[in-house]
Amino acid sequence: MSEPLRIALVGATGLIGRSLIELCVGRADVRLAAIARREMPLPRGATMEMFVADPDKWGEVIEAVRPQVLVSALGTTWRKAGKDETAFRGVDQHLVLDTARAARTHGVERMIAVSSVGADAASKNFYLRVKGEVERDLAKAGFKRLDVLRPGLLKGPRGEDRRPGERAAIIASPVADLLLHGKFRQYRSIPGRVVAEGILAMALKSTQGRFVHDNDAIRRAARGLPHPHSG
């Protein structure tokens, strides 16, 4: 049996990060190590490693873990950032890029990053502009394989992190999704677990290159995820 794929996950406490942790329970083909700033409960049966450290120490953790793939599901919200542009950039831009560069320094050759539908470095929208800038800079980081995911409206349990408008959009999504066709399909809602399935499927691929995945591509990847098997 081949060695399990070593994955380091940052952004473990969010919807996608938690979904990825749950997906890895019972899988013998992956070895997951989560890196976070605070402790979090792990699902029953999880055999993964959890490292709690300040972000300036994450590079040292990555060096110790020696992952083959870095997964970044890092992100905050405008509200949680205190509606402060500097604070928002501190997480969604600087922390993502600092972690990516630390990973490259320690020999990690593959990265999967969660961005957002509509990401564009030239956008007039601050949120989308930051996401686009991060995508641009990750492409220059030197990874042999870089997967950027641009999901639409994420559905799944997020507790109190939801904005009122976001909650309303989720409630309306079954109808709204039916109205989004053509180039607007990418704005449809998508479950966080499906995004996590897509991430895991991409991590298990060994081809090189840079790839950007919209909702449809994420769903296709998720459908191709090999079934779990225990060792």
Protein backbone atom coordinates (compact mmCIF):
# COMPACT_ATOMS: atom_id res chain seq x y z
CA MET A 1 0.00 0.00 0.00
CA SER A 2 1.33 3.44 -0.91
CA GLU A 3 2.06 6.05 1.76
CA PRO A 4 -0.86 8.33 2.64
CA LEU A 5 -0.87 11.82 1.17
CA ARG A 6 0.23 14.39 3.76
CA ILE A 7 -2.04 17.46 3.79
CA ALA A 8 -1.66 20.57 5.93
CA LEU A 9 -4.86 22.55 6.42
CA VAL A 10 -5.06 26.19 7.51
CA GLY A 11 -8.49 27.64 8.09
CA ALA A 12 -9.62 24.52 9.92
CA THR A 13 -12.27 26.21 12.07
CA GLY A 14 -14.42 27.48 9.18
CA LEU A 15 -17.18 25.72 7.26
CA ILE A 16 -14.94 24.25 4.54
CA GLY A 17 -12.10 23.40 6.93
CA ARG A 18 -14.42 21.53 9.29
CA SER A 19 -16.02 19.73 6.35
CA LEU A 20 -12.61 18.61 5.10
CA ILE A 21 -11.68 17.30 8.54
CA GLU A 22 -14.90 15.26 8.67
CA LEU A 23 -14.25 13.86 5.19
CA CYS A 24 -10.82 12.59 6.19
CA VAL A 25 -12.14 10.50 9.08
CA GLY A 26 -11.55 6.84 8.28
CA ARG A 27 -9.50 7.48 5.13
CA ALA A 28 -6.23 5.58 4.86
CA ASP A 29 -5.08 7.45 1.76
CA VAL A 30 -4.61 10.82 3.49
CA ARG A 31 -2.90 12.07 6.62
CA LEU A 32 -4.32 15.43 7.66
CA ALA A 33 -2.66 17.98 9.92
CA ALA A 34 -4.70 21.06 10.81
CA ILE A 35 -3.04 24.31 11.88
CA ALA A 36 -5.12 26.88 13.71
CA ARG A 37 -4.94 29.79 16.12
CA ARG A 38 -7.36 28.23 18.57
CA GLU A 39 -8.48 24.79 19.65
CA MET A 40 -11.56 23.21 18.12
CA PRO A 41 -13.49 19.98 18.75
CA LEU A 42 -12.63 17.17 16.36
CA PRO A 43 -15.19 14.74 14.95
CA ARG A 44 -15.48 11.29 16.48
CA GLY A 45 -13.00 8.87 14.95
CA ALA A 46 -10.58 11.56 13.78
CA THR A 47 -6.95 10.39 13.87
CA MET A 48 -5.50 13.62 12.48
CA GLU A 49 -3.01 15.97 14.10
CA MET A 50 -4.11 19.38 15.35
CA PHE A 51 -1.54 22.12 15.92
CA VAL A 52 -2.53 25.29 17.78
CA ALA A 53 -0.04 28.10 17.25
CA ASP A 54 0.26 31.80 16.55
CA PRO A 55 0.39 32.49 12.80
CA ASP A 56 4.02 33.60 12.99
CA LYS A 57 4.85 30.01 14.04
CA TRP A 58 2.90 28.30 11.28
CA GLY A 59 5.96 28.04 9.08
CA GLU A 60 7.70 26.03 11.80
CA VAL A 61 4.71 23.70 12.04
CA ILE A 62 4.70 23.21 8.27
CA GLU A 63 8.42 22.44 8.40
CA ALA A 64 7.79 19.78 11.07
CA VAL A 65 4.74 18.25 9.34
CA ARG A 66 6.37 18.18 5.88
CA PRO A 67 3.09 18.14 3.95
CA GLN A 68 2.89 17.43 0.25
CA VAL A 69 -0.15 19.67 -0.16
CA LEU A 70 -1.13 22.91 1.59
CA VAL A 71 -4.87 23.64 1.74
CA SER A 72 -5.92 27.18 2.63
CA ALA A 73 -9.52 27.71 3.66
CA LEU A 74 -8.59 30.90 5.49
CA GLY A 75 -11.00 33.79 5.46
CA THR A 76 -12.86 36.23 7.63
CA THR A 77 -15.91 38.41 7.08
CA TRP A 78 -16.22 42.16 6.76
CA ARG A 79 -18.15 42.23 10.04
CA LYS A 80 -15.67 40.08 11.98
CA ALA A 81 -12.86 42.29 10.69
CA GLY A 82 -14.61 45.26 12.31
CA LYS A 83 -15.32 46.67 8.83
CA ASP A 84 -11.65 47.61 8.72
CA GLU A 85 -9.81 47.13 5.43
CA THR A 86 -6.43 46.58 7.10
CA ALA A 87 -7.82 43.92 9.45
CA PHE A 88 -9.58 42.18 6.57
CA ARG A 89 -6.42 42.14 4.46
CA GLY A 90 -4.50 40.83 7.46
CA VAL A 91 -6.37 37.52 7.25
CA ASP A 92 -7.64 37.12 3.70
CA GLN A 93 -4.50 38.41 2.03
CA HIS A 94 -1.39 38.63 4.21
CA LEU A 95 -1.97 35.48 6.27
CA VAL A 96 -2.81 33.44 3.17
CA LEU A 97 0.26 34.66 1.29
CA ASP A 98 2.62 34.42 4.27
CA THR A 99 1.53 30.82 4.86
CA ALA A 100 1.91 29.98 1.17
CA ARG A 101 5.42 31.44 1.05
CA ALA A 102 6.43 29.63 4.23
CA ALA A 103 5.18 26.39 2.68
CA ARG A 104 7.24 26.97 -0.46
CA THR A 105 10.29 27.75 1.67
CA HIS A 106 9.91 24.34 3.32
CA GLY A 107 9.50 22.45 0.06
CA VAL A 108 5.72 22.19 -0.35
CA GLU A 109 5.04 21.99 -4.09
CA ARG A 110 1.24 21.94 -4.23
CA MET A 111 -1.41 24.29 -2.85
CA ILE A 112 -5.20 24.44 -2.93
CA ALA A 113 -6.72 27.81 -2.02
CA VAL A 114 -10.36 28.75 -1.51
CA SER A 115 -11.11 32.12 -3.12
CA SER A 116 -14.50 33.49 -4.20
CA VAL A 117 -16.69 33.71 -7.25
CA GLY A 118 -16.06 37.06 -8.94
CA ALA A 119 -12.50 37.43 -7.64
CA ASP A 120 -10.74 40.07 -9.73
CA ALA A 121 -7.70 42.18 -8.86
CA ALA A 122 -9.21 45.03 -10.91
CA SER A 123 -12.65 44.87 -9.26
CA LYS A 124 -14.15 48.01 -7.73
CA ASN A 125 -15.54 45.79 -4.96
CA PHE A 126 -13.03 45.68 -2.10
CA TYR A 127 -13.71 42.06 -1.13
CA LEU A 128 -13.43 40.75 -4.69
CA ARG A 129 -10.37 42.92 -5.38
CA VAL A 130 -8.52 41.45 -2.38
CA LYS A 131 -9.43 37.92 -3.45
CA GLY A 132 -8.18 38.65 -6.95
CA GLU A 133 -4.91 40.11 -5.66
CA VAL A 134 -4.34 37.00 -3.58
CA GLU A 135 -4.96 34.73 -6.57
CA ARG A 136 -2.50 36.80 -8.62
CA ASP A 137 0.22 36.58 -5.98
CA LEU A 138 -0.30 32.88 -5.30
CA ALA A 139 0.28 32.25 -9.00
CA LYS A 140 3.72 33.81 -8.56
CA ALA A 141 4.63 31.78 -5.46
CA GLY A 142 6.21 28.95 -7.43
CA PHE A 143 3.95 25.98 -6.67
CA LYS A 144 4.16 23.14 -9.18
CA ARG A 145 0.41 22.70 -8.86
CA LEU A 146 -1.96 25.44 -7.72
CA ASP A 147 -5.71 24.95 -7.51
CA VAL A 148 -7.86 28.02 -6.87
CA LEU A 149 -11.50 27.41 -5.99
CA ARG A 150 -14.12 30.08 -6.65
CA PRO A 151 -17.28 28.76 -5.01
CA GLY A 152 -20.57 30.63 -5.08
CA LEU A 153 -22.73 31.12 -2.00
CA LEU A 154 -21.58 28.56 0.57
CA LYS A 155 -24.26 26.54 2.32
CA GLY A 156 -23.73 24.71 5.59
CA PRO A 157 -23.63 25.22 9.37
CA ARG A 158 -21.74 28.36 10.27
CA GLY A 159 -23.38 29.27 13.55
CA GLU A 160 -23.57 33.01 14.13
CA ASP A 161 -21.01 33.91 11.47
CA ARG A 162 -23.70 34.45 8.86
CA ARG A 163 -24.63 37.98 7.87
CA PRO A 164 -28.41 38.65 7.72
CA GLY A 165 -28.25 39.16 3.96
CA GLU A 166 -26.33 35.93 3.56
CA ARG A 167 -28.94 34.01 5.57
CA ALA A 168 -31.69 35.45 3.38
CA ALA A 169 -29.78 34.48 0.23
CA ILE A 170 -29.42 30.90 1.44
CA ILE A 171 -33.14 30.66 2.16
CA ALA A 172 -33.88 31.95 -1.34
CA SER A 173 -31.15 29.88 -3.06
CA PRO A 174 -33.30 26.91 -4.18
CA VAL A 175 -35.35 29.28 -6.34
CA ALA A 176 -32.56 31.73 -7.16
CA ASP A 177 -30.29 28.92 -8.38
CA LEU A 178 -32.88 27.95 -10.99
CA LEU A 179 -32.73 31.46 -12.44
CA LEU A 180 -28.94 31.55 -12.77
CA HIS A 181 -27.91 30.25 -16.20
CA GLY A 182 -24.98 30.63 -18.57
CA LYS A 183 -22.23 32.82 -17.16
CA PHE A 184 -24.33 33.36 -14.03
CA ARG A 185 -24.27 29.65 -13.08
CA GLN A 186 -21.07 30.30 -11.16
CA TYR A 187 -23.05 32.37 -8.64
CA ARG A 188 -25.29 29.46 -7.64
CA SER A 189 -25.11 28.16 -4.08
CA ILE A 190 -22.94 25.16 -3.20
CA PRO A 191 -22.69 23.11 0.00
CA GLY A 192 -19.46 23.52 1.94
CA ARG A 193 -19.11 19.73 2.08
CA VAL A 194 -19.13 19.52 -1.74
CA VAL A 195 -16.34 22.11 -1.84
CA ALA A 196 -14.39 20.02 0.68
CA GLU A 197 -14.94 16.90 -1.45
CA GLY A 198 -13.59 18.79 -4.45
CA ILE A 199 -10.54 19.90 -2.46
CA LEU A 200 -9.75 16.37 -1.37
CA ALA A 201 -10.17 15.03 -4.91
CA MET A 202 -7.81 17.72 -6.25
CA ALA A 203 -5.27 17.00 -3.52
CA LEU A 204 -5.13 13.37 -4.62
CA LYS A 205 -4.23 14.36 -8.19
CA SER A 206 -0.55 14.53 -9.09
CA THR A 207 -0.65 16.50 -12.36
CA GLN A 208 1.08 19.88 -12.49
CA GLY A 209 -0.22 23.30 -13.52
CA ARG A 210 -2.43 26.15 -12.36
CA PHE A 211 -6.18 25.63 -12.29
CA VAL A 212 -9.16 27.84 -11.42
CA HIS A 213 -12.37 26.01 -10.53
CA ASP A 214 -15.88 27.48 -10.57
CA ASN A 215 -18.92 25.79 -9.00
CA ASP A 216 -19.40 23.34 -11.87
CA ALA A 217 -15.72 22.33 -11.87
CA ILE A 218 -15.76 21.90 -8.08
CA ARG A 219 -18.79 19.63 -8.34
CA ARG A 220 -17.15 17.58 -11.11
CA ALA A 221 -14.04 17.13 -8.97
CA ALA A 222 -16.16 16.17 -5.96
CA ARG A 223 -17.91 13.45 -7.97
CA GLY A 224 -14.50 11.99 -8.81
CA LEU A 225 -13.37 11.67 -5.20
CA PRO A 226 -12.27 8.06 -4.58
CA HIS A 227 -14.31 6.20 -1.97
CA PRO A 228 -12.65 6.06 1.46
CA HIS A 229 -10.99 2.87 2.54
CA SER A 230 -9.48 2.02 5.87
CA GLY A 231 -6.09 0.54 6.31
